[in-house]
């Protein structure tokens, strides 16, 4: 997820490491953990793979590495945006929110595909969990915790429905012109 977020932020502008960390913390802290121990090795790997390029900026006798995305990096980012890896519920939710943050870089049809996939994932997860909990849970605190979790999923499904409707209208408008 950190790779996806990093490549996405570098599409907006070239950044030095500290500023990149600040941007990740500002926009992604609800989705991923951000620390220097992960960022700089990631930047090195992305550079080695040709997904980013590094140039040195000299300012007042201080040199600073500036990172920018390459065309290969943009292609890799696009692939990561459209993939649906098998992962835990928590990670899939975080990954989707990172993807949503960068929706403006996608075509409306791609956005709709991602929204529809997330919508179905949420509905299926909710149905499965309801069956599981109704059969085995009798503890009042566990039931209350499940109820809280269920409300969050239902809220996400409603929000996704609105997003799907909005994107569908945009697609229909562009097709009529």
C-alpha atoms as a PDB file:
ATOM      1  CA  UNK A   1       0.000   0.000   0.000  1.00  0.00           C
ATOM      2  CA  UNK A   2       2.890   2.331   0.752  1.00  0.00           C
ATOM      3  CA  UNK A   3       4.173   1.853  -2.794  1.00  0.00           C
ATOM      4  CA  UNK A   4       0.760   2.705  -4.234  1.00  0.00           C
ATOM      5  CA  UNK A   5       0.479   5.831  -2.079  1.00  0.00           C
ATOM      6  CA  UNK A   6       4.052   6.930  -2.780  1.00  0.00           C
ATOM      7  CA  UNK A   7       3.714   6.604  -6.555  1.00  0.00           C
ATOM      8  CA  UNK A   8       0.355   8.375  -6.381  1.00  0.00           C
ATOM      9  CA  UNK A   9       1.763  11.337  -4.467  1.00  0.00           C
ATOM     10  CA  UNK A  10       4.746  11.584  -6.806  1.00  0.00           C
ATOM     11  CA  UNK A  11       2.333  11.912  -9.731  1.00  0.00           C
ATOM     12  CA  UNK A  12       1.118  15.159  -8.194  1.00  0.00           C
ATOM     13  CA  UNK A  13       4.583  16.628  -7.723  1.00  0.00           C
ATOM     14  CA  UNK A  14       8.228  15.759  -7.205  1.00  0.00           C
ATOM     15  CA  UNK A  15       9.097  15.585  -3.498  1.00  0.00           C
ATOM     16  CA  UNK A  16      12.054  15.150  -1.208  1.00  0.00           C
ATOM     17  CA  UNK A  17      11.893  12.351   1.372  1.00  0.00           C
ATOM     18  CA  UNK A  18      10.833  14.405   4.366  1.00  0.00           C
ATOM     19  CA  UNK A  19       8.067  16.182   2.417  1.00  0.00           C
ATOM     20  CA  UNK A  20       6.901  12.842   1.028  1.00  0.00           C
ATOM     21  CA  UNK A  21       6.647  11.476   4.577  1.00  0.00           C
ATOM     22  CA  UNK A  22       4.661  14.566   5.621  1.00  0.00           C
ATOM     23  CA  UNK A  23       2.268  14.138   2.688  1.00  0.00           C
ATOM     24  CA  UNK A  24       1.825  10.442   3.442  1.00  0.00           C
ATOM     25  CA  UNK A  25       1.109  11.187   7.087  1.00  0.00           C
ATOM     26  CA  UNK A  26      -1.295  13.979   6.237  1.00  0.00           C
ATOM     27  CA  UNK A  27      -3.341  12.098   3.668  1.00  0.00           C
ATOM     28  CA  UNK A  28      -2.743   8.424   4.393  1.00  0.00           C
ATOM     29  CA  UNK A  29      -2.302   8.093   8.158  1.00  0.00           C
ATOM     30  CA  UNK A  30      -5.798   6.644   8.521  1.00  0.00           C
ATOM     31  CA  UNK A  31      -4.884   3.919   6.051  1.00  0.00           C
ATOM     32  CA  UNK A  32      -1.194   3.090   6.482  1.00  0.00           C
ATOM     33  CA  UNK A  33       1.589   3.443   8.991  1.00  0.00           C
ATOM     34  CA  UNK A  34       4.299   5.824   7.843  1.00  0.00           C
ATOM     35  CA  UNK A  35       7.873   5.776   9.118  1.00  0.00           C
ATOM     36  CA  UNK A  36      11.307   6.593   7.758  1.00  0.00           C
ATOM     37  CA  UNK A  37      12.398   2.976   8.183  1.00  0.00           C
ATOM     38  CA  UNK A  38       9.927   2.020   5.458  1.00  0.00           C
ATOM     39  CA  UNK A  39      10.036   5.074   3.192  1.00  0.00           C
ATOM     40  CA  UNK A  40      13.719   5.309   2.295  1.00  0.00           C
ATOM     41  CA  UNK A  41      14.181   1.590   1.475  1.00  0.00           C
ATOM     42  CA  UNK A  42      10.991   1.803  -0.619  1.00  0.00           C
ATOM     43  CA  UNK A  43      12.314   4.844  -2.499  1.00  0.00           C
ATOM     44  CA  UNK A  44      15.565   2.963  -3.185  1.00  0.00           C
ATOM     45  CA  UNK A  45      13.656  -0.071  -4.538  1.00  0.00           C
ATOM     46  CA  UNK A  46      11.426   2.137  -6.701  1.00  0.00           C
ATOM     47  CA  UNK A  47      14.519   3.853  -8.105  1.00  0.00           C
ATOM     48  CA  UNK A  48      16.248   0.517  -8.809  1.00  0.00           C
ATOM     49  CA  UNK A  49      13.147  -0.710 -10.664  1.00  0.00           C
ATOM     50  CA  UNK A  50      12.993   2.472 -12.732  1.00  0.00           C
ATOM     51  CA  UNK A  51       9.670   3.638 -11.285  1.00  0.00           C
ATOM     52  CA  UNK A  52      11.111   6.858  -9.897  1.00  0.00           C
ATOM     53  CA  UNK A  53      14.124   9.004 -10.646  1.00  0.00           C
ATOM     54  CA  UNK A  54      16.217  10.972  -8.218  1.00  0.00           C
ATOM     55  CA  UNK A  55      17.963  14.255  -8.709  1.00  0.00           C
ATOM     56  CA  UNK A  56      19.886  16.349  -6.237  1.00  0.00           C
ATOM     57  CA  UNK A  57      18.800  19.881  -5.476  1.00  0.00           C
ATOM     58  CA  UNK A  58      21.354  22.270  -4.004  1.00  0.00           C
ATOM     59  CA  UNK A  59      20.022  25.032  -1.817  1.00  0.00           C
ATOM     60  CA  UNK A  60      22.138  27.161   0.563  1.00  0.00           C
ATOM     61  CA  UNK A  61      24.940  24.571   0.669  1.00  0.00           C
ATOM     62  CA  UNK A  62      22.389  21.869   1.522  1.00  0.00           C
ATOM     63  CA  UNK A  63      21.815  19.093  -0.954  1.00  0.00           C
ATOM     64  CA  UNK A  64      18.519  17.300  -0.997  1.00  0.00           C
ATOM     65  CA  UNK A  65      17.338  14.308  -3.016  1.00  0.00           C
ATOM     66  CA  UNK A  66      14.185  15.002  -4.988  1.00  0.00           C
ATOM     67  CA  UNK A  67      12.075  12.053  -6.163  1.00  0.00           C
ATOM     68  CA  UNK A  68       9.870  12.098  -9.239  1.00  0.00           C
ATOM     69  CA  UNK A  69       7.851   9.409 -10.972  1.00  0.00           C
ATOM     70  CA  UNK A  70       8.891   8.001 -14.363  1.00  0.00           C
ATOM     71  CA  UNK A  71       6.621   6.787 -17.165  1.00  0.00           C
ATOM     72  CA  UNK A  72       7.320   3.220 -15.993  1.00  0.00           C
ATOM     73  CA  UNK A  73       6.269   4.311 -12.499  1.00  0.00           C
ATOM     74  CA  UNK A  74       3.009   5.695 -13.829  1.00  0.00           C
ATOM     75  CA  UNK A  75       2.310   2.391 -15.569  1.00  0.00           C
ATOM     76  CA  UNK A  76       3.116   0.458 -12.378  1.00  0.00           C
ATOM     77  CA  UNK A  77       0.891   2.796 -10.344  1.00  0.00           C
ATOM     78  CA  UNK A  78      -1.978   2.249 -12.807  1.00  0.00           C
ATOM     79  CA  UNK A  79      -1.580  -1.527 -12.481  1.00  0.00           C
ATOM     80  CA  UNK A  80      -1.598  -1.301  -8.676  1.00  0.00           C
ATOM     81  CA  UNK A  81      -4.670   0.923  -8.742  1.00  0.00           C
ATOM     82  CA  UNK A  82      -6.675  -1.583 -10.771  1.00  0.00           C
ATOM     83  CA  UNK A  83      -5.563  -4.801  -9.048  1.00  0.00           C
ATOM     84  CA  UNK A  84      -7.576  -6.596  -6.379  1.00  0.00           C
ATOM     85  CA  UNK A  85      -5.132  -8.558  -4.225  1.00  0.00           C
ATOM     86  CA  UNK A  86      -6.418 -11.143  -1.760  1.00  0.00           C
ATOM     87  CA  UNK A  87      -5.863  -9.599   1.647  1.00  0.00           C
ATOM     88  CA  UNK A  88      -7.491  -9.100   5.013  1.00  0.00           C
ATOM     89  CA  UNK A  89     -10.658  -7.065   5.417  1.00  0.00           C
ATOM     90  CA  UNK A  90      -8.770  -4.269   7.196  1.00  0.00           C
ATOM     91  CA  UNK A  91      -6.074  -4.080   4.516  1.00  0.00           C
ATOM     92  CA  UNK A  92      -8.590  -4.149   1.674  1.00  0.00           C
ATOM     93  CA  UNK A  93     -10.452  -1.217   3.239  1.00  0.00           C
ATOM     94  CA  UNK A  94      -7.239   0.755   3.672  1.00  0.00           C
ATOM     95  CA  UNK A  95      -6.126  -0.044   0.122  1.00  0.00           C
ATOM     96  CA  UNK A  96      -9.475   1.086  -1.264  1.00  0.00           C
ATOM     97  CA  UNK A  97      -9.314   4.408   0.600  1.00  0.00           C
ATOM     98  CA  UNK A  98      -5.830   5.037  -0.785  1.00  0.00           C
ATOM     99  CA  UNK A  99      -7.130   4.263  -4.267  1.00  0.00           C
ATOM    100  CA  UNK A 100     -10.109   6.556  -3.750  1.00  0.00           C
ATOM    101  CA  UNK A 101      -7.746   9.358  -2.719  1.00  0.00           C
ATOM    102  CA  UNK A 102      -6.221   9.159  -6.215  1.00  0.00           C
ATOM    103  CA  UNK A 103      -9.464   8.660  -8.187  1.00  0.00           C
ATOM    104  CA  UNK A 104      -8.963  11.891 -10.135  1.00  0.00           C
ATOM    105  CA  UNK A 105      -6.098  10.182 -12.010  1.00  0.00           C
ATOM    106  CA  UNK A 106      -8.402   7.436 -13.294  1.00  0.00           C
ATOM    107  CA  UNK A 107     -10.941   7.341 -16.082  1.00  0.00           C
ATOM    108  CA  UNK A 108     -14.604   7.288 -14.952  1.00  0.00           C
ATOM    109  CA  UNK A 109     -15.028   3.659 -16.111  1.00  0.00           C
ATOM    110  CA  UNK A 110     -12.021   2.615 -14.003  1.00  0.00           C
ATOM    111  CA  UNK A 111     -13.443   4.432 -10.997  1.00  0.00           C
ATOM    112  CA  UNK A 112     -16.780   2.706 -11.478  1.00  0.00           C
ATOM    113  CA  UNK A 113     -15.091  -0.689 -11.668  1.00  0.00           C
ATOM    114  CA  UNK A 114     -13.217  -0.108  -8.406  1.00  0.00           C
ATOM    115  CA  UNK A 115     -16.313   1.240  -6.659  1.00  0.00           C
ATOM    116  CA  UNK A 116     -18.438  -1.680  -7.844  1.00  0.00           C
ATOM    117  CA  UNK A 117     -15.832  -4.190  -6.706  1.00  0.00           C
ATOM    118  CA  UNK A 118     -15.605  -2.598  -3.264  1.00  0.00           C
ATOM    119  CA  UNK A 119     -19.403  -2.434  -3.029  1.00  0.00           C
ATOM    120  CA  UNK A 120     -19.722  -6.170  -3.732  1.00  0.00           C
ATOM    121  CA  UNK A 121     -16.865  -6.984  -1.348  1.00  0.00           C
ATOM    122  CA  UNK A 122     -18.605  -5.083   1.454  1.00  0.00           C
ATOM    123  CA  UNK A 123     -21.985  -6.693   0.796  1.00  0.00           C
ATOM    124  CA  UNK A 124     -20.519 -10.200   0.727  1.00  0.00           C
ATOM    125  CA  UNK A 125     -18.459  -9.572   3.857  1.00  0.00           C
ATOM    126  CA  UNK A 126     -21.504  -8.253   5.699  1.00  0.00           C
ATOM    127  CA  UNK A 127     -23.660 -11.228   4.682  1.00  0.00           C
ATOM    128  CA  UNK A 128     -21.011 -13.749   5.732  1.00  0.00           C
ATOM    129  CA  UNK A 129     -20.321 -12.070   9.071  1.00  0.00           C
ATOM    130  CA  UNK A 130     -24.032 -11.779   9.885  1.00  0.00           C
ATOM    131  CA  UNK A 131     -24.449 -15.513   9.412  1.00  0.00           C
ATOM    132  CA  UNK A 132     -21.346 -16.290  11.476  1.00  0.00           C
ATOM    133  CA  UNK A 133     -22.299 -14.035  14.386  1.00  0.00           C
ATOM    134  CA  UNK A 134     -25.959 -14.961  14.490  1.00  0.00           C
ATOM    135  CA  UNK A 135     -25.031 -18.630  14.854  1.00  0.00           C
ATOM    136  CA  UNK A 136     -22.232 -18.530  17.421  1.00  0.00           C
ATOM    137  CA  UNK A 137     -22.243 -15.315  19.436  1.00  0.00           C
ATOM    138  CA  UNK A 138     -24.197 -14.915  22.668  1.00  0.00           C
ATOM    139  CA  UNK A 139     -21.928 -12.592  24.660  1.00  0.00           C
ATOM    140  CA  UNK A 140     -23.533  -9.110  24.939  1.00  0.00           C
ATOM    141  CA  UNK A 141     -20.230  -7.232  24.534  1.00  0.00           C
ATOM    142  CA  UNK A 142     -19.223  -9.264  21.508  1.00  0.00           C
ATOM    143  CA  UNK A 143     -22.645  -8.680  20.009  1.00  0.00           C
ATOM    144  CA  UNK A 144     -22.331  -4.941  20.669  1.00  0.00           C
ATOM    145  CA  UNK A 145     -18.866  -4.883  19.077  1.00  0.00           C
ATOM    146  CA  UNK A 146     -20.271  -6.715  16.045  1.00  0.00           C
ATOM    147  CA  UNK A 147     -23.174  -4.272  15.868  1.00  0.00           C
ATOM    148  CA  UNK A 148     -20.713  -1.348  15.817  1.00  0.00           C
ATOM    149  CA  UNK A 149     -18.675  -3.027  13.073  1.00  0.00           C
ATOM    150  CA  UNK A 150     -21.863  -3.778  11.131  1.00  0.00           C
ATOM    151  CA  UNK A 151     -22.932  -0.119  11.258  1.00  0.00           C
ATOM    152  CA  UNK A 152     -19.580   0.937   9.789  1.00  0.00           C
ATOM    153  CA  UNK A 153     -19.950  -1.563   6.928  1.00  0.00           C
ATOM    154  CA  UNK A 154     -23.551  -0.529   6.235  1.00  0.00           C
ATOM    155  CA  UNK A 155     -22.427   3.120   6.222  1.00  0.00           C
ATOM    156  CA  UNK A 156     -19.654   2.288   3.754  1.00  0.00           C
ATOM    157  CA  UNK A 157     -22.107   0.434   1.490  1.00  0.00           C
ATOM    158  CA  UNK A 158     -24.430   3.471   1.488  1.00  0.00           C
ATOM    159  CA  UNK A 159     -21.505   5.796   0.736  1.00  0.00           C
ATOM    160  CA  UNK A 160     -20.307   3.510  -2.069  1.00  0.00           C
ATOM    161  CA  UNK A 161     -23.835   3.476  -3.552  1.00  0.00           C
ATOM    162  CA  UNK A 162     -23.787   7.261  -3.738  1.00  0.00           C
ATOM    163  CA  UNK A 163     -20.327   7.224  -5.349  1.00  0.00           C
ATOM    164  CA  UNK A 164     -21.422   4.618  -7.920  1.00  0.00           C
ATOM    165  CA  UNK A 165     -24.501   6.685  -8.747  1.00  0.00           C
ATOM    166  CA  UNK A 166     -22.410   9.847  -9.159  1.00  0.00           C
ATOM    167  CA  UNK A 167     -19.825   8.185 -11.415  1.00  0.00           C
ATOM    168  CA  UNK A 168     -22.569   6.506 -13.465  1.00  0.00           C
ATOM    169  CA  UNK A 169     -24.174   9.906 -14.094  1.00  0.00           C
ATOM    170  CA  UNK A 170     -20.812  11.320 -15.194  1.00  0.00           C
ATOM    171  CA  UNK A 171     -20.292   8.402 -17.588  1.00  0.00           C
ATOM    172  CA  UNK A 172     -23.823   8.777 -19.005  1.00  0.00           C
ATOM    173  CA  UNK A 173     -23.316  12.513 -19.519  1.00  0.00           C
ATOM    174  CA  UNK A 174     -20.029  12.043 -21.371  1.00  0.00           C
ATOM    175  CA  UNK A 175     -21.546   9.338 -23.558  1.00  0.00           C
ATOM    176  CA  UNK A 176     -24.416  11.585 -24.653  1.00  0.00           C
ATOM    177  CA  UNK A 177     -22.038  14.307 -25.870  1.00  0.00           C
END
